[in-house]
């Protein structure tokens, strides 16, 4: 029978546990930063549309919205520009 001290046995396990914890924290921080940047990228055109709608509500008809997109936001921006040109 061979007896191994617990400290020798647990040393590698504790080192792996610390490494796993640090990598998990790093992954969490990275995912959080990436999520914030993605959210800002998605929300920015919506905020521009909101500002244009508020400007039109204040009778500022010279408001032009420059969103060159082919999706629903682009269509909405074109509708806002069309409304501003008609008045």
PDB file of N, CA and C in Angstrom:
ATOM      1  N   UNK A   1       0.830  -1.148   0.000  1.00  0.00           N
ATOM      2  CA  UNK A   1       0.000   0.000   0.000  1.00  0.00           C
ATOM      3  C   UNK A   1       0.896   1.240   0.000  1.00  0.00           C
ATOM      4  N   UNK A   2       0.514   2.211  -0.833  1.00  0.00           N
ATOM      5  CA  UNK A   2       1.269   3.458  -0.937  1.00  0.00           C
ATOM      6  C   UNK A   2       0.415   4.571  -0.353  1.00  0.00           C
ATOM      7  N   UNK A   3       1.009   5.367   0.480  1.00  0.00           N
ATOM      8  CA  UNK A   3       0.309   6.485   1.092  1.00  0.00           C
ATOM      9  C   UNK A   3       0.837   7.774   0.473  1.00  0.00           C
ATOM     10  N   UNK A   4      -0.092   8.562  -0.039  1.00  0.00           N
ATOM     11  CA  UNK A   4       0.256   9.840  -0.650  1.00  0.00           C
ATOM     12  C   UNK A   4      -0.333  10.935   0.229  1.00  0.00           C
ATOM     13  N   UNK A   5       0.470  11.895   0.610  1.00  0.00           N
ATOM     14  CA  UNK A   5      -0.079  12.989   1.419  1.00  0.00           C
ATOM     15  C   UNK A   5      -1.188  13.725   0.670  1.00  0.00           C
ATOM     16  N   UNK A   6      -2.198  14.141   1.412  1.00  0.00           N
ATOM     17  CA  UNK A   6      -3.352  14.812   0.801  1.00  0.00           C
ATOM     18  C   UNK A   6      -2.936  16.098   0.089  1.00  0.00           C
ATOM     19  N   UNK A   7      -2.000  16.828   0.623  1.00  0.00           N
ATOM     20  CA  UNK A   7      -1.569  18.084   0.005  1.00  0.00           C
ATOM     21  C   UNK A   7      -0.971  17.847  -1.381  1.00  0.00           C
ATOM     22  N   UNK A   8      -0.204  16.761  -1.536  1.00  0.00           N
ATOM     23  CA  UNK A   8       0.360  16.446  -2.854  1.00  0.00           C
ATOM     24  C   UNK A   8      -0.740  16.047  -3.830  1.00  0.00           C
ATOM     25  N   UNK A   9      -1.712  15.319  -3.348  1.00  0.00           N
ATOM     26  CA  UNK A   9      -2.802  14.838  -4.186  1.00  0.00           C
ATOM     27  C   UNK A   9      -3.716  15.989  -4.602  1.00  0.00           C
ATOM     28  N   UNK A  10      -4.016  16.866  -3.674  1.00  0.00           N
ATOM     29  CA  UNK A  10      -4.970  17.947  -3.921  1.00  0.00           C
ATOM     30  C   UNK A  10      -4.345  19.162  -4.607  1.00  0.00           C
ATOM     31  N   UNK A  11      -3.031  19.243  -4.643  1.00  0.00           N
ATOM     32  CA  UNK A  11      -2.369  20.412  -5.224  1.00  0.00           C
ATOM     33  C   UNK A  11      -2.760  20.610  -6.683  1.00  0.00           C
ATOM     34  N   UNK A  12      -2.703  19.561  -7.475  1.00  0.00           N
ATOM     35  CA  UNK A  12      -3.055  19.666  -8.896  1.00  0.00           C
ATOM     36  C   UNK A  12      -4.552  19.924  -9.069  1.00  0.00           C
ATOM     37  N   UNK A  13      -5.364  19.325  -8.247  1.00  0.00           N
ATOM     38  CA  UNK A  13      -6.814  19.546  -8.327  1.00  0.00           C
ATOM     39  C   UNK A  13      -7.136  21.002  -8.003  1.00  0.00           C
ATOM     40  N   UNK A  14      -6.526  21.538  -6.977  1.00  0.00           N
ATOM     41  CA  UNK A  14      -6.762  22.941  -6.621  1.00  0.00           C
ATOM     42  C   UNK A  14      -6.267  23.893  -7.704  1.00  0.00           C
ATOM     43  N   UNK A  15      -5.138  23.566  -8.321  1.00  0.00           N
ATOM     44  CA  UNK A  15      -4.620  24.396  -9.415  1.00  0.00           C
ATOM     45  C   UNK A  15      -5.580  24.370 -10.597  1.00  0.00           C
ATOM     46  N   UNK A  16      -6.111  23.207 -10.915  1.00  0.00           N
ATOM     47  CA  UNK A  16      -7.081  23.102 -12.015  1.00  0.00           C
ATOM     48  C   UNK A  16      -8.377  23.842 -11.675  1.00  0.00           C
ATOM     49  N   UNK A  17      -8.791  23.789 -10.442  1.00  0.00           N
ATOM     50  CA  UNK A  17      -9.997  24.502 -10.018  1.00  0.00           C
ATOM     51  C   UNK A  17      -9.805  26.004 -10.162  1.00  0.00           C
ATOM     52  N   UNK A  18      -8.667  26.520  -9.754  1.00  0.00           N
ATOM     53  CA  UNK A  18      -8.381  27.944  -9.918  1.00  0.00           C
ATOM     54  C   UNK A  18      -8.345  28.333 -11.391  1.00  0.00           C
ATOM     55  N   UNK A  19      -7.712  27.523 -12.205  1.00  0.00           N
ATOM     56  CA  UNK A  19      -7.642  27.818 -13.643  1.00  0.00           C
ATOM     57  C   UNK A  19      -9.038  27.842 -14.261  1.00  0.00           C
ATOM     58  N   UNK A  20      -9.850  26.861 -13.894  1.00  0.00           N
ATOM     59  CA  UNK A  20     -11.211  26.804 -14.420  1.00  0.00           C
ATOM     60  C   UNK A  20     -12.013  28.023 -13.982  1.00  0.00           C
ATOM     61  N   UNK A  21     -11.878  28.422 -12.736  1.00  0.00           N
ATOM     62  CA  UNK A  21     -12.588  29.591 -12.239  1.00  0.00           C
ATOM     63  C   UNK A  21     -12.158  30.854 -12.977  1.00  0.00           C
ATOM     64  N   UNK A  22     -10.853  31.041 -13.140  1.00  0.00           N
ATOM     65  CA  UNK A  22     -10.354  32.235 -13.823  1.00  0.00           C
ATOM     66  C   UNK A  22     -10.781  32.267 -15.291  1.00  0.00           C
ATOM     67  N   UNK A  23     -10.748  31.114 -15.947  1.00  0.00           N
ATOM     68  CA  UNK A  23     -11.200  31.064 -17.341  1.00  0.00           C
ATOM     69  C   UNK A  23     -12.691  31.344 -17.440  1.00  0.00           C
ATOM     70  N   UNK A  24     -13.465  30.866 -16.484  1.00  0.00           N
ATOM     71  CA  UNK A  24     -14.906  31.134 -16.478  1.00  0.00           C
ATOM     72  C   UNK A  24     -15.189  32.611 -16.272  1.00  0.00           C
ATOM     73  N   UNK A  25     -14.459  33.238 -15.371  1.00  0.00           N
ATOM     74  CA  UNK A  25     -14.638  34.674 -15.135  1.00  0.00           C
ATOM     75  C   UNK A  25     -14.239  35.460 -16.386  1.00  0.00           C
ATOM     76  N   UNK A  26     -13.151  35.078 -17.018  1.00  0.00           N
ATOM     77  CA  UNK A  26     -12.714  35.761 -18.238  1.00  0.00           C
ATOM     78  C   UNK A  26     -13.753  35.599 -19.348  1.00  0.00           C
ATOM     79  N   UNK A  27     -14.324  34.405 -19.476  1.00  0.00           N
ATOM     80  CA  UNK A  27     -15.355  34.172 -20.490  1.00  0.00           C
ATOM     81  C   UNK A  27     -16.604  34.999 -20.187  1.00  0.00           C
ATOM     82  N   UNK A  28     -16.964  35.102 -18.929  1.00  0.00           N
ATOM     83  CA  UNK A  28     -18.124  35.901 -18.536  1.00  0.00           C
ATOM     84  C   UNK A  28     -17.900  37.374 -18.858  1.00  0.00           C
ATOM     85  N   UNK A  29     -16.733  37.891 -18.541  1.00  0.00           N
ATOM     86  CA  UNK A  29     -16.421  39.297 -18.830  1.00  0.00           C
ATOM     87  C   UNK A  29     -16.413  39.537 -20.338  1.00  0.00           C
ATOM     88  N   UNK A  30     -15.800  38.626 -21.082  1.00  0.00           N
ATOM     89  CA  UNK A  30     -15.768  38.766 -22.538  1.00  0.00           C
ATOM     90  C   UNK A  30     -17.161  38.724 -23.148  1.00  0.00           C
ATOM     91  N   UNK A  31     -17.997  37.797 -22.678  1.00  0.00           N
ATOM     92  CA  UNK A  31     -19.356  37.697 -23.205  1.00  0.00           C
ATOM     93  C   UNK A  31     -20.177  38.928 -22.848  1.00  0.00           C
ATOM     94  N   UNK A  32     -19.963  39.467 -21.658  1.00  0.00           N
ATOM     95  CA  UNK A  32     -20.688  40.670 -21.250  1.00  0.00           C
ATOM     96  C   UNK A  32     -20.298  41.861 -22.120  1.00  0.00           C
ATOM     97  N   UNK A  33     -19.011  42.039 -22.354  1.00  0.00           N
ATOM     98  CA  UNK A  33     -18.543  43.144 -23.194  1.00  0.00           C
ATOM     99  C   UNK A  33     -19.071  42.989 -24.616  1.00  0.00           C
ATOM    100  N   UNK A  34     -18.997  41.776 -25.154  1.00  0.00           N
ATOM    101  CA  UNK A  34     -19.506  41.534 -26.503  1.00  0.00           C
ATOM    102  C   UNK A  34     -21.008  41.776 -26.574  1.00  0.00           C
ATOM    103  N   UNK A  35     -21.741  41.390 -25.545  1.00  0.00           N
ATOM    104  CA  UNK A  35     -23.177  41.628 -25.511  1.00  0.00           C
ATOM    105  C   UNK A  35     -23.519  43.105 -25.470  1.00  0.00           C
ATOM    106  N   UNK A  36     -22.778  43.874 -24.697  1.00  0.00           N
ATOM    107  CA  UNK A  36     -23.011  45.322 -24.617  1.00  0.00           C
ATOM    108  C   UNK A  36     -22.730  45.980 -25.963  1.00  0.00           C
ATOM    109  N   UNK A  37     -21.627  45.604 -26.592  1.00  0.00           N
ATOM    110  CA  UNK A  37     -21.291  46.188 -27.896  1.00  0.00           C
ATOM    111  C   UNK A  37     -22.333  45.817 -28.952  1.00  0.00           C
ATOM    112  N   UNK A  38     -22.800  44.587 -28.931  1.00  0.00           N
ATOM    113  CA  UNK A  38     -23.823  44.151 -29.884  1.00  0.00           C
ATOM    114  C   UNK A  38     -25.128  44.894 -29.647  1.00  0.00           C
ATOM    115  N   UNK A  39     -25.497  45.059 -28.381  1.00  0.00           N
ATOM    116  CA  UNK A  39     -26.728  45.782 -28.070  1.00  0.00           C
ATOM    117  C   UNK A  39     -26.651  47.227 -28.552  1.00  0.00           C
ATOM    118  N   UNK A  40     -25.506  47.874 -28.358  1.00  0.00           N
ATOM    119  CA  UNK A  40     -25.344  49.249 -28.845  1.00  0.00           C
ATOM    120  C   UNK A  40     -25.446  49.301 -30.367  1.00  0.00           C
ATOM    121  N   UNK A  41     -24.872  48.326 -31.037  1.00  0.00           N
ATOM    122  CA  UNK A  41     -24.904  48.274 -32.502  1.00  0.00           C
ATOM    123  C   UNK A  41     -26.338  48.113 -32.998  1.00  0.00           C
ATOM    124  N   UNK A  42     -27.141  47.334 -32.290  1.00  0.00           N
ATOM    125  CA  UNK A  42     -28.524  47.101 -32.694  1.00  0.00           C
ATOM    126  C   UNK A  42     -29.406  48.300 -32.354  1.00  0.00           C
ATOM    127  N   UNK A  43     -29.179  48.927 -31.224  1.00  0.00           N
ATOM    128  CA  UNK A  43     -30.059  49.986 -30.735  1.00  0.00           C
ATOM    129  C   UNK A  43     -29.793  51.331 -31.407  1.00  0.00           C
ATOM    130  N   UNK A  44     -28.593  51.574 -31.872  1.00  0.00           N
ATOM    131  CA  UNK A  44     -28.235  52.883 -32.431  1.00  0.00           C
ATOM    132  C   UNK A  44     -29.199  53.342 -33.537  1.00  0.00           C
ATOM    133  N   UNK A  45     -29.529  52.520 -34.555  1.00  0.00           N
ATOM    134  CA  UNK A  45     -30.463  53.002 -35.581  1.00  0.00           C
ATOM    135  C   UNK A  45     -31.867  53.246 -35.029  1.00  0.00           C
ATOM    136  N   UNK A  46     -32.271  52.474 -34.028  1.00  0.00           N
ATOM    137  CA  UNK A  46     -33.590  52.686 -33.431  1.00  0.00           C
ATOM    138  C   UNK A  46     -33.627  54.024 -32.702  1.00  0.00           C
ATOM    139  N   UNK A  47     -32.546  54.369 -32.033  1.00  0.00           N
ATOM    140  CA  UNK A  47     -32.479  55.664 -31.364  1.00  0.00           C
ATOM    141  C   UNK A  47     -32.507  56.809 -32.372  1.00  0.00           C
ATOM    142  N   UNK A  48     -31.876  56.629 -33.527  1.00  0.00           N
ATOM    143  CA  UNK A  48     -31.929  57.652 -34.571  1.00  0.00           C
ATOM    144  C   UNK A  48     -33.354  57.840 -35.077  1.00  0.00           C
ATOM    145  N   UNK A  49     -34.071  56.713 -35.258  1.00  0.00           N
ATOM    146  CA  UNK A  49     -35.467  56.810 -35.682  1.00  0.00           C
ATOM    147  C   UNK A  49     -36.305  57.513 -34.620  1.00  0.00           C
ATOM    148  N   UNK A  50     -36.056  57.230 -33.379  1.00  0.00           N
ATOM    149  CA  UNK A  50     -36.774  57.872 -32.289  1.00  0.00           C
ATOM    150  C   UNK A  50     -36.534  59.374 -32.299  1.00  0.00           C
ATOM    151  N   UNK A  51     -35.285  59.777 -32.483  1.00  0.00           N
ATOM    152  CA  UNK A  51     -34.963  61.204 -32.529  1.00  0.00           C
ATOM    153  C   UNK A  51     -35.647  61.880 -33.716  1.00  0.00           C
ATOM    154  N   UNK A  52     -35.693  61.212 -34.855  1.00  0.00           N
ATOM    155  CA  UNK A  52     -36.355  61.782 -36.032  1.00  0.00           C
ATOM    156  C   UNK A  52     -37.857  61.905 -35.791  1.00  0.00           C
ATOM    157  N   UNK A  53     -38.455  60.927 -35.165  1.00  0.00           N
ATOM    158  CA  UNK A  53     -39.892  60.995 -34.867  1.00  0.00           C
ATOM    159  C   UNK A  53     -40.191  62.139 -33.908  1.00  0.00           C
ATOM    160  N   UNK A  54     -39.351  62.325 -32.920  1.00  0.00           N
ATOM    161  CA  UNK A  54     -39.548  63.429 -31.979  1.00  0.00           C
ATOM    162  C   UNK A  54     -39.377  64.773 -32.666  1.00  0.00           C
ATOM    163  N   UNK A  55     -38.419  64.855 -33.584  1.00  0.00           N
ATOM    164  CA  UNK A  55     -38.215  66.109 -34.319  1.00  0.00           C
ATOM    165  C   UNK A  55     -39.432  66.417 -35.187  1.00  0.00           C
ATOM    166  N   UNK A  56     -39.984  65.408 -35.848  1.00  0.00           N
ATOM    167  CA  UNK A  56     -41.182  65.630 -36.654  1.00  0.00           C
ATOM    168  C   UNK A  56     -42.365  66.024 -35.771  1.00  0.00           C
ATOM    169  N   UNK A  57     -42.454  65.463 -34.587  1.00  0.00           N
ATOM    170  CA  UNK A  57     -43.536  65.817 -33.656  1.00  0.00           C
ATOM    171  C   UNK A  57     -43.413  67.271 -33.204  1.00  0.00           C
ATOM    172  N   UNK A  58     -42.205  67.814 -33.196  1.00  0.00           N
ATOM    173  CA  UNK A  58     -41.978  69.218 -32.832  1.00  0.00           C
ATOM    174  C   UNK A  58     -42.058  70.142 -34.055  1.00  0.00           C
ATOM    175  N   UNK A  59     -42.580  69.625 -35.148  1.00  0.00           N
ATOM    176  CA  UNK A  59     -42.742  70.383 -36.401  1.00  0.00           C
ATOM    177  C   UNK A  59     -41.413  70.828 -36.988  1.00  0.00           C
ATOM    178  N   UNK A  60     -40.385  70.064 -36.782  1.00  0.00           N
ATOM    179  CA  UNK A  60     -39.090  70.324 -37.419  1.00  0.00           C
ATOM    180  C   UNK A  60     -39.032  69.499 -38.706  1.00  0.00           C
ATOM    181  N   UNK A  61     -39.596  70.077 -39.765  1.00  0.00           N
ATOM    182  CA  UNK A  61     -39.792  69.323 -40.996  1.00  0.00           C
ATOM    183  C   UNK A  61     -38.522  69.185 -41.835  1.00  0.00           C
ATOM    184  N   UNK A  62     -37.475  69.874 -41.456  1.00  0.00           N
ATOM    185  CA  UNK A  62     -36.232  69.771 -42.220  1.00  0.00           C
ATOM    186  C   UNK A  62     -35.363  68.604 -41.737  1.00  0.00           C
ATOM    187  N   UNK A  63     -35.921  67.759 -40.919  1.00  0.00           N
ATOM    188  CA  UNK A  63     -35.179  66.617 -40.383  1.00  0.00           C
ATOM    189  C   UNK A  63     -34.992  65.559 -41.462  1.00  0.00           C
ATOM    190  N   UNK A  64     -33.769  65.167 -41.684  1.00  0.00           N
ATOM    191  CA  UNK A  64     -33.460  64.086 -42.623  1.00  0.00           C
ATOM    192  C   UNK A  64     -32.781  62.962 -41.851  1.00  0.00           C
ATOM    193  N   UNK A  65     -33.161  61.768 -42.172  1.00  0.00           N
ATOM    194  CA  UNK A  65     -32.621  60.598 -41.494  1.00  0.00           C
ATOM    195  C   UNK A  65     -31.814  59.792 -42.506  1.00  0.00           C
ATOM    196  N   UNK A  66     -30.533  59.623 -42.244  1.00  0.00           N
ATOM    197  CA  UNK A  66     -29.641  58.919 -43.165  1.00  0.00           C
ATOM    198  C   UNK A  66     -29.394  57.496 -42.660  1.00  0.00           C
ATOM    199  N   UNK A  67     -30.336  56.620 -42.954  1.00  0.00           N
ATOM    200  CA  UNK A  67     -30.155  55.195 -42.664  1.00  0.00           C
ATOM    201  C   UNK A  67     -30.266  54.452 -43.987  1.00  0.00           C
ATOM    202  N   UNK A  68     -29.155  54.074 -44.540  1.00  0.00           N
ATOM    203  CA  UNK A  68     -29.141  53.354 -45.815  1.00  0.00           C
ATOM    204  C   UNK A  68     -29.170  51.865 -45.540  1.00  0.00           C
ATOM    205  N   UNK A  69     -30.370  51.381 -45.285  1.00  0.00           N
ATOM    206  CA  UNK A  69     -30.543  49.960 -44.976  1.00  0.00           C
ATOM    207  C   UNK A  69     -31.667  49.414 -45.840  1.00  0.00           C
ATOM    208  N   UNK A  70     -31.673  48.110 -46.001  1.00  0.00           N
ATOM    209  CA  UNK A  70     -32.695  47.455 -46.814  1.00  0.00           C
ATOM    210  C   UNK A  70     -33.727  46.723 -45.965  1.00  0.00           C
ATOM    211  N   UNK A  71     -33.652  46.848 -44.662  1.00  0.00           N
ATOM    212  CA  UNK A  71     -34.581  46.126 -43.796  1.00  0.00           C
ATOM    213  C   UNK A  71     -35.718  47.045 -43.364  1.00  0.00           C
ATOM    214  N   UNK A  72     -36.467  46.626 -42.354  1.00  0.00           N
ATOM    215  CA  UNK A  72     -37.613  47.394 -41.878  1.00  0.00           C
ATOM    216  C   UNK A  72     -37.209  48.771 -41.359  1.00  0.00           C
ATOM    217  N   UNK A  73     -36.046  48.858 -40.713  1.00  0.00           N
ATOM    218  CA  UNK A  73     -35.589  50.162 -40.228  1.00  0.00           C
ATOM    219  C   UNK A  73     -35.312  51.112 -41.381  1.00  0.00           C
ATOM    220  N   UNK A  74     -34.768  50.603 -42.465  1.00  0.00           N
ATOM    221  CA  UNK A  74     -34.536  51.423 -43.644  1.00  0.00           C
ATOM    222  C   UNK A  74     -35.835  51.910 -44.261  1.00  0.00           C
ATOM    223  N   UNK A  75     -36.842  51.035 -44.292  1.00  0.00           N
ATOM    224  CA  UNK A  75     -38.142  51.426 -44.812  1.00  0.00           C
ATOM    225  C   UNK A  75     -38.786  52.488 -43.928  1.00  0.00           C
ATOM    226  N   UNK A  76     -38.652  52.326 -42.638  1.00  0.00           N
ATOM    227  CA  UNK A  76     -39.203  53.311 -41.711  1.00  0.00           C
ATOM    228  C   UNK A  76     -38.484  54.652 -41.843  1.00  0.00           C
ATOM    229  N   UNK A  77     -37.170  54.617 -42.019  1.00  0.00           N
ATOM    230  CA  UNK A  77     -36.407  55.852 -42.223  1.00  0.00           C
ATOM    231  C   UNK A  77     -36.845  56.540 -43.514  1.00  0.00           C
ATOM    232  N   UNK A  78     -37.065  55.756 -44.568  1.00  0.00           N
ATOM    233  CA  UNK A  78     -37.532  56.341 -45.830  1.00  0.00           C
ATOM    234  C   UNK A  78     -38.914  56.968 -45.656  1.00  0.00           C
ATOM    235  N   UNK A  79     -39.767  56.334 -44.855  1.00  0.00           N
ATOM    236  CA  UNK A  79     -41.100  56.889 -44.607  1.00  0.00           C
ATOM    237  C   UNK A  79     -41.000  58.203 -43.838  1.00  0.00           C
ATOM    238  N   UNK A  80     -40.109  58.275 -42.858  1.00  0.00           N
ATOM    239  CA  UNK A  80     -39.914  59.521 -42.126  1.00  0.00           C
ATOM    240  C   UNK A  80     -39.398  60.608 -43.054  1.00  0.00           C
ATOM    241  N   UNK A  81     -38.437  60.282 -43.911  1.00  0.00           N
ATOM    242  CA  UNK A  81     -37.922  61.279 -44.857  1.00  0.00           C
ATOM    243  C   UNK A  81     -39.000  61.734 -45.820  1.00  0.00           C
ATOM    244  N   UNK A  82     -39.858  60.821 -46.254  1.00  0.00           N
ATOM    245  CA  UNK A  82     -40.943  61.164 -47.155  1.00  0.00           C
ATOM    246  C   UNK A  82     -41.937  62.105 -46.464  1.00  0.00           C
ATOM    247  N   UNK A  83     -42.249  61.821 -45.220  1.00  0.00           N
ATOM    248  CA  UNK A  83     -43.154  62.702 -44.460  1.00  0.00           C
ATOM    249  C   UNK A  83     -42.564  64.094 -44.305  1.00  0.00           C
ATOM    250  N   UNK A  84     -41.262  64.141 -44.035  1.00  0.00           N
ATOM    251  CA  UNK A  84     -40.611  65.442 -43.837  1.00  0.00           C
ATOM    252  C   UNK A  84     -40.604  66.245 -45.144  1.00  0.00           C
ATOM    253  N   UNK A  85     -40.441  65.585 -46.280  1.00  0.00           N
ATOM    254  CA  UNK A  85     -40.419  66.278 -47.568  1.00  0.00           C
ATOM    255  C   UNK A  85     -41.803  66.792 -47.956  1.00  0.00           C
ATOM    256  N   UNK A  86     -42.866  66.116 -47.558  1.00  0.00           N
ATOM    257  CA  UNK A  86     -44.223  66.500 -47.949  1.00  0.00           C
ATOM    258  C   UNK A  86     -44.713  67.729 -47.208  1.00  0.00           C
ATOM    259  N   UNK A  87     -44.144  68.013 -46.065  1.00  0.00           N
ATOM    260  CA  UNK A  87     -44.662  69.145 -45.270  1.00  0.00           C
ATOM    261  C   UNK A  87     -43.830  70.352 -45.393  1.00  0.00           C
TER     262      UNK A  87
END
